[in-house]
Amino acid sequence: MKKVAREAGVSQGILHYYFADKRAMLAATLEVVTRDLDRRVAAAQSRARRDPAARLRALVRACLGRGGAPPGVLGGVRRVLG
């Protein structure tokens, strides 16, 4: 928790205030990252043609981060904390 707090630029106490333990922090972070990825994939595929290959390319571009990669764990922690 100490390293995560330092990397995220927050105090260790604030992590313990928001999260009961590392597992809770990871679960919240994964939820934020997954929600963001789902949004990006849906947006990319809605812009793609009906062609299955075009939809697959849009999915891959969204997952690989064309236009910005999904946040890592520390970015997710920052987003959860607001």
Protein backbone atom coordinates (compact mmCIF):
# COMPACT_ATOMS: atom_id res chain seq x y z
CA MET A 1 0.00 0.00 0.00
CA LYS A 2 2.91 2.31 0.78
CA LYS A 3 4.36 2.02 -2.73
CA VAL A 4 0.95 2.44 -4.37
CA ALA A 5 0.29 5.56 -2.30
CA ARG A 6 3.66 7.03 -3.23
CA GLU A 7 3.22 6.25 -6.95
CA ALA A 8 -0.35 7.60 -6.96
CA GLY A 9 0.70 10.76 -5.16
CA VAL A 10 -1.63 10.27 -2.20
CA SER A 11 -1.07 9.49 1.46
CA GLN A 12 -1.18 5.92 2.65
CA GLY A 13 -3.88 6.93 5.13
CA ILE A 14 -6.22 8.04 2.34
CA LEU A 15 -5.87 4.62 0.70
CA HIS A 16 -6.86 2.94 3.95
CA TYR A 17 -9.79 5.37 4.33
CA TYR A 18 -11.21 4.43 0.92
CA PHE A 19 -10.16 0.78 0.75
CA ALA A 20 -10.33 -1.88 3.44
CA ASP A 21 -7.34 -3.73 1.98
CA LYS A 22 -5.33 -4.32 -1.18
CA ARG A 23 -7.98 -6.63 -2.58
CA ALA A 24 -10.68 -3.94 -2.29
CA MET A 25 -8.36 -1.39 -3.93
CA LEU A 26 -7.59 -3.77 -6.80
CA ALA A 27 -11.28 -4.62 -7.29
CA ALA A 28 -12.26 -0.94 -7.47
CA THR A 29 -9.39 -0.20 -9.83
CA LEU A 30 -10.26 -3.08 -12.14
CA GLU A 31 -13.88 -1.94 -12.20
CA VAL A 32 -12.87 1.56 -13.33
CA VAL A 33 -10.43 0.26 -15.94
CA THR A 34 -12.94 -2.29 -17.26
CA ARG A 35 -15.74 0.28 -17.48
CA ASP A 36 -13.46 2.65 -19.42
CA LEU A 37 -12.37 -0.11 -21.79
CA ASP A 38 -15.99 -1.20 -22.36
CA ARG A 39 -16.92 2.40 -23.20
CA ARG A 40 -14.02 2.75 -25.62
CA VAL A 41 -14.77 -0.56 -27.37
CA ALA A 42 -18.48 0.29 -27.75
CA ALA A 43 -17.64 3.72 -29.17
CA ALA A 44 -15.07 2.31 -31.59
CA GLN A 45 -17.37 -0.42 -32.81
CA SER A 46 -20.34 1.92 -33.24
CA ARG A 47 -18.22 3.97 -35.63
CA ALA A 48 -17.12 0.88 -37.59
CA ARG A 49 -18.95 -0.42 -40.61
CA ARG A 50 -21.05 -3.53 -40.34
CA ASP A 51 -18.17 -5.48 -41.88
CA PRO A 52 -16.95 -7.99 -39.25
CA ALA A 53 -13.30 -7.32 -40.11
CA ALA A 54 -13.77 -3.57 -39.60
CA ARG A 55 -15.46 -4.19 -36.25
CA LEU A 56 -12.60 -6.46 -35.18
CA ARG A 57 -10.02 -3.82 -36.17
CA ALA A 58 -11.97 -1.21 -34.18
CA LEU A 59 -12.00 -3.54 -31.17
CA VAL A 60 -8.24 -4.13 -31.38
CA ARG A 61 -7.49 -0.40 -31.78
CA ALA A 62 -9.66 0.42 -28.76
CA CYS A 63 -7.98 -2.25 -26.64
CA LEU A 64 -4.46 -1.36 -27.70
CA GLY A 65 -4.97 2.28 -26.99
CA ARG A 66 -5.06 4.16 -30.26
CA GLY A 67 -5.97 7.57 -28.92
CA GLY A 68 -4.70 6.77 -25.44
CA ALA A 69 -4.18 3.50 -23.65
CA PRO A 70 -6.49 2.49 -20.82
CA PRO A 71 -5.13 3.62 -17.49
CA GLY A 72 -2.87 1.28 -15.57
CA VAL A 73 -3.50 0.30 -12.00
CA LEU A 74 -2.13 3.58 -10.63
CA GLY A 75 -4.18 5.59 -13.06
CA GLY A 76 -7.21 3.59 -11.97
CA VAL A 77 -6.45 4.32 -8.32
CA ARG A 78 -6.23 8.03 -9.11
CA ARG A 79 -9.58 7.90 -10.92
CA VAL A 80 -11.27 5.99 -8.07
CA LEU A 81 -10.00 8.56 -5.59
CA GLY A 82 -11.30 11.36 -7.80
